[in-house]
Amino acid sequence: MMHPTENTREDLTLRARAEFREMPGMCLTTAQAARLWQLSPARAEELLSDLVQAGFLVRREGQRYRLPSSV
């Protein structure tokens, strides 16, 4: 049986991936992601870092996260 926190984490990851795919030009700071997904700044940073480690996002312009460039 899956722990509720794990399900929420997986759901949040899928939501974040979907939103970045729907808006390929989206470029967010940790604070913006926290507001968008109603997360604490620490949880938003953890989510974004996980997506960077998975190769789904890149961190650019200091603190901004976005999809990798196709170029």
N, C-alpha and C. Protein backbone atom coordinates (compact mmCIF):
# COMPACT_ATOMS: atom_id res chain seq x y z
N MET A 1 0.83 -1.18 0.00
CA MET A 1 0.00 0.00 0.00
C MET A 1 0.88 1.24 0.00
N MET A 2 0.53 2.22 -0.83
CA MET A 2 1.34 3.42 -0.96
C MET A 2 1.00 4.41 0.15
N HIS A 3 2.02 4.99 0.73
CA HIS A 3 1.84 6.01 1.76
C HIS A 3 1.24 7.26 1.13
N PRO A 4 0.27 7.92 1.78
CA PRO A 4 -0.38 9.11 1.19
C PRO A 4 0.60 10.19 0.75
N THR A 5 1.68 10.38 1.51
CA THR A 5 2.66 11.41 1.15
C THR A 5 3.34 11.07 -0.17
N GLU A 6 3.63 9.79 -0.39
CA GLU A 6 4.26 9.38 -1.64
C GLU A 6 3.33 9.63 -2.82
N ASN A 7 2.06 9.33 -2.65
CA ASN A 7 1.09 9.57 -3.71
C ASN A 7 1.01 11.06 -4.03
N THR A 8 0.96 11.88 -3.02
CA THR A 8 0.91 13.32 -3.21
C THR A 8 2.17 13.79 -3.94
N ARG A 9 3.31 13.26 -3.55
CA ARG A 9 4.57 13.63 -4.20
C ARG A 9 4.56 13.24 -5.67
N GLU A 10 4.09 12.04 -5.95
CA GLU A 10 4.03 11.57 -7.35
C GLU A 10 3.05 12.42 -8.14
N ASP A 11 1.88 12.70 -7.56
CA ASP A 11 0.88 13.53 -8.23
C ASP A 11 1.43 14.92 -8.52
N LEU A 12 2.14 15.49 -7.56
CA LEU A 12 2.71 16.81 -7.73
C LEU A 12 3.77 16.82 -8.83
N THR A 13 4.59 15.78 -8.86
CA THR A 13 5.60 15.67 -9.90
C THR A 13 4.95 15.58 -11.28
N LEU A 14 3.91 14.76 -11.39
CA LEU A 14 3.21 14.63 -12.68
C LEU A 14 2.56 15.95 -13.08
N ARG A 15 1.99 16.66 -12.11
CA ARG A 15 1.36 17.96 -12.40
C ARG A 15 2.41 18.96 -12.89
N ALA A 16 3.54 19.03 -12.20
CA ALA A 16 4.59 19.97 -12.59
C ALA A 16 5.09 19.65 -13.99
N ARG A 17 5.33 18.37 -14.28
CA ARG A 17 5.78 17.98 -15.61
C ARG A 17 4.75 18.39 -16.67
N ALA A 18 3.48 18.15 -16.38
CA ALA A 18 2.42 18.48 -17.34
C ALA A 18 2.36 19.98 -17.59
N GLU A 19 2.50 20.77 -16.55
CA GLU A 19 2.42 22.22 -16.73
C GLU A 19 3.61 22.76 -17.50
N PHE A 20 4.80 22.22 -17.26
CA PHE A 20 5.96 22.66 -18.04
C PHE A 20 5.81 22.24 -19.51
N ARG A 21 5.22 21.06 -19.76
CA ARG A 21 5.01 20.63 -21.15
C ARG A 21 3.96 21.49 -21.84
N GLU A 22 2.91 21.86 -21.11
CA GLU A 22 1.85 22.69 -21.69
C GLU A 22 2.33 24.10 -22.00
N MET A 23 3.29 24.58 -21.22
CA MET A 23 3.83 25.93 -21.40
C MET A 23 5.34 25.84 -21.52
N PRO A 24 5.85 25.41 -22.68
CA PRO A 24 7.29 25.13 -22.83
C PRO A 24 8.19 26.32 -22.54
N GLY A 25 7.68 27.54 -22.63
CA GLY A 25 8.49 28.71 -22.33
C GLY A 25 8.49 29.11 -20.87
N MET A 26 7.76 28.36 -20.05
CA MET A 26 7.65 28.71 -18.63
C MET A 26 9.02 28.62 -17.97
N CYS A 27 9.33 29.64 -17.19
CA CYS A 27 10.61 29.74 -16.49
C CYS A 27 10.29 30.25 -15.09
N LEU A 28 10.47 29.41 -14.08
CA LEU A 28 10.03 29.75 -12.73
C LEU A 28 11.18 29.80 -11.74
N THR A 29 11.05 30.72 -10.78
CA THR A 29 11.92 30.70 -9.61
C THR A 29 11.28 29.75 -8.60
N THR A 30 12.01 29.43 -7.56
CA THR A 30 11.45 28.59 -6.50
C THR A 30 10.24 29.25 -5.87
N ALA A 31 10.32 30.56 -5.62
CA ALA A 31 9.20 31.28 -5.01
C ALA A 31 7.96 31.25 -5.90
N GLN A 32 8.15 31.41 -7.20
CA GLN A 32 7.02 31.36 -8.13
C GLN A 32 6.39 29.97 -8.16
N ALA A 33 7.23 28.93 -8.16
CA ALA A 33 6.73 27.56 -8.16
C ALA A 33 5.95 27.28 -6.87
N ALA A 34 6.46 27.78 -5.76
CA ALA A 34 5.78 27.59 -4.47
C ALA A 34 4.38 28.22 -4.50
N ARG A 35 4.27 29.41 -5.07
CA ARG A 35 2.97 30.06 -5.17
C ARG A 35 2.06 29.32 -6.16
N LEU A 36 2.60 28.93 -7.31
CA LEU A 36 1.81 28.26 -8.33
C LEU A 36 1.20 26.96 -7.82
N TRP A 37 2.00 26.17 -7.13
CA TRP A 37 1.56 24.86 -6.67
C TRP A 37 1.19 24.84 -5.19
N GLN A 38 1.14 26.00 -4.56
CA GLN A 38 0.77 26.14 -3.15
C GLN A 38 1.61 25.23 -2.25
N LEU A 39 2.93 25.40 -2.38
CA LEU A 39 3.89 24.62 -1.61
C LEU A 39 4.71 25.54 -0.73
N SER A 40 5.37 24.98 0.25
CA SER A 40 6.36 25.74 1.00
C SER A 40 7.56 25.95 0.07
N PRO A 41 8.33 27.01 0.29
CA PRO A 41 9.53 27.20 -0.55
C PRO A 41 10.47 25.99 -0.52
N ALA A 42 10.60 25.37 0.64
CA ALA A 42 11.49 24.20 0.74
C ALA A 42 10.97 23.04 -0.10
N ARG A 43 9.66 22.81 -0.08
CA ARG A 43 9.07 21.71 -0.86
C ARG A 43 9.16 22.01 -2.35
N ALA A 44 8.96 23.27 -2.72
CA ALA A 44 9.08 23.65 -4.13
C ALA A 44 10.52 23.42 -4.61
N GLU A 45 11.48 23.80 -3.79
CA GLU A 45 12.89 23.60 -4.16
C GLU A 45 13.20 22.12 -4.32
N GLU A 46 12.65 21.29 -3.43
CA GLU A 46 12.86 19.85 -3.51
C GLU A 46 12.26 19.29 -4.81
N LEU A 47 11.06 19.71 -5.14
CA LEU A 47 10.40 19.26 -6.37
C LEU A 47 11.21 19.66 -7.60
N LEU A 48 11.60 20.93 -7.66
CA LEU A 48 12.35 21.42 -8.82
C LEU A 48 13.71 20.72 -8.93
N SER A 49 14.36 20.53 -7.80
CA SER A 49 15.66 19.84 -7.80
C SER A 49 15.51 18.40 -8.29
N ASP A 50 14.44 17.74 -7.85
CA ASP A 50 14.19 16.37 -8.32
C ASP A 50 14.01 16.34 -9.83
N LEU A 51 13.30 17.33 -10.37
CA LEU A 51 13.07 17.39 -11.82
C LEU A 51 14.37 17.70 -12.57
N VAL A 52 15.26 18.47 -11.98
CA VAL A 52 16.57 18.73 -12.58
C VAL A 52 17.40 17.44 -12.57
N GLN A 53 17.41 16.75 -11.43
CA GLN A 53 18.18 15.50 -11.33
C GLN A 53 17.67 14.45 -12.31
N ALA A 54 16.38 14.47 -12.58
CA ALA A 54 15.80 13.52 -13.53
C ALA A 54 16.06 13.93 -14.98
N GLY A 55 16.63 15.13 -15.18
CA GLY A 55 16.91 15.60 -16.52
C GLY A 55 15.72 16.24 -17.21
N PHE A 56 14.62 16.44 -16.47
CA PHE A 56 13.43 17.03 -17.06
C PHE A 56 13.54 18.55 -17.15
N LEU A 57 14.15 19.18 -16.15
CA LEU A 57 14.33 20.63 -16.14
C LEU A 57 15.81 20.97 -16.06
N VAL A 58 16.11 22.21 -16.39
CA VAL A 58 17.45 22.76 -16.17
C VAL A 58 17.29 24.01 -15.32
N ARG A 59 18.35 24.33 -14.61
CA ARG A 59 18.36 25.53 -13.78
C ARG A 59 19.21 26.56 -14.50
N ARG A 60 18.60 27.69 -14.82
CA ARG A 60 19.29 28.73 -15.59
C ARG A 60 19.10 30.07 -14.93
N GLU A 61 19.84 31.04 -15.42
CA GLU A 61 19.71 32.43 -14.98
C GLU A 61 19.71 32.52 -13.46
N GLY A 62 20.62 31.80 -12.84
CA GLY A 62 20.72 31.84 -11.39
C GLY A 62 19.74 30.91 -10.71
N GLN A 63 18.51 31.36 -10.58
CA GLN A 63 17.54 30.61 -9.80
C GLN A 63 16.31 30.19 -10.59
N ARG A 64 16.35 30.24 -11.90
CA ARG A 64 15.16 29.93 -12.70
C ARG A 64 15.23 28.52 -13.28
N TYR A 65 14.08 27.88 -13.26
CA TYR A 65 13.96 26.51 -13.77
C TYR A 65 13.10 26.51 -15.03
N ARG A 66 13.53 25.70 -16.01
CA ARG A 66 12.76 25.61 -17.26
C ARG A 66 13.11 24.31 -17.96
N LEU A 67 12.34 24.01 -19.02
CA LEU A 67 12.66 22.84 -19.84
C LEU A 67 13.99 23.05 -20.54
N PRO A 68 14.73 21.99 -20.77
CA PRO A 68 15.99 22.15 -21.53
C PRO A 68 15.71 22.67 -22.93
N SER A 69 16.64 23.42 -23.44
CA SER A 69 16.52 23.96 -24.80
C SER A 69 16.66 22.83 -25.80
N SER A 70 15.92 22.93 -26.89
CA SER A 70 16.05 21.92 -27.94
C SER A 70 17.21 22.20 -28.87
N VAL A 71 17.89 23.33 -28.64
CA VAL A 71 19.00 23.73 -29.51
C VAL A 71 20.31 23.20 -28.93
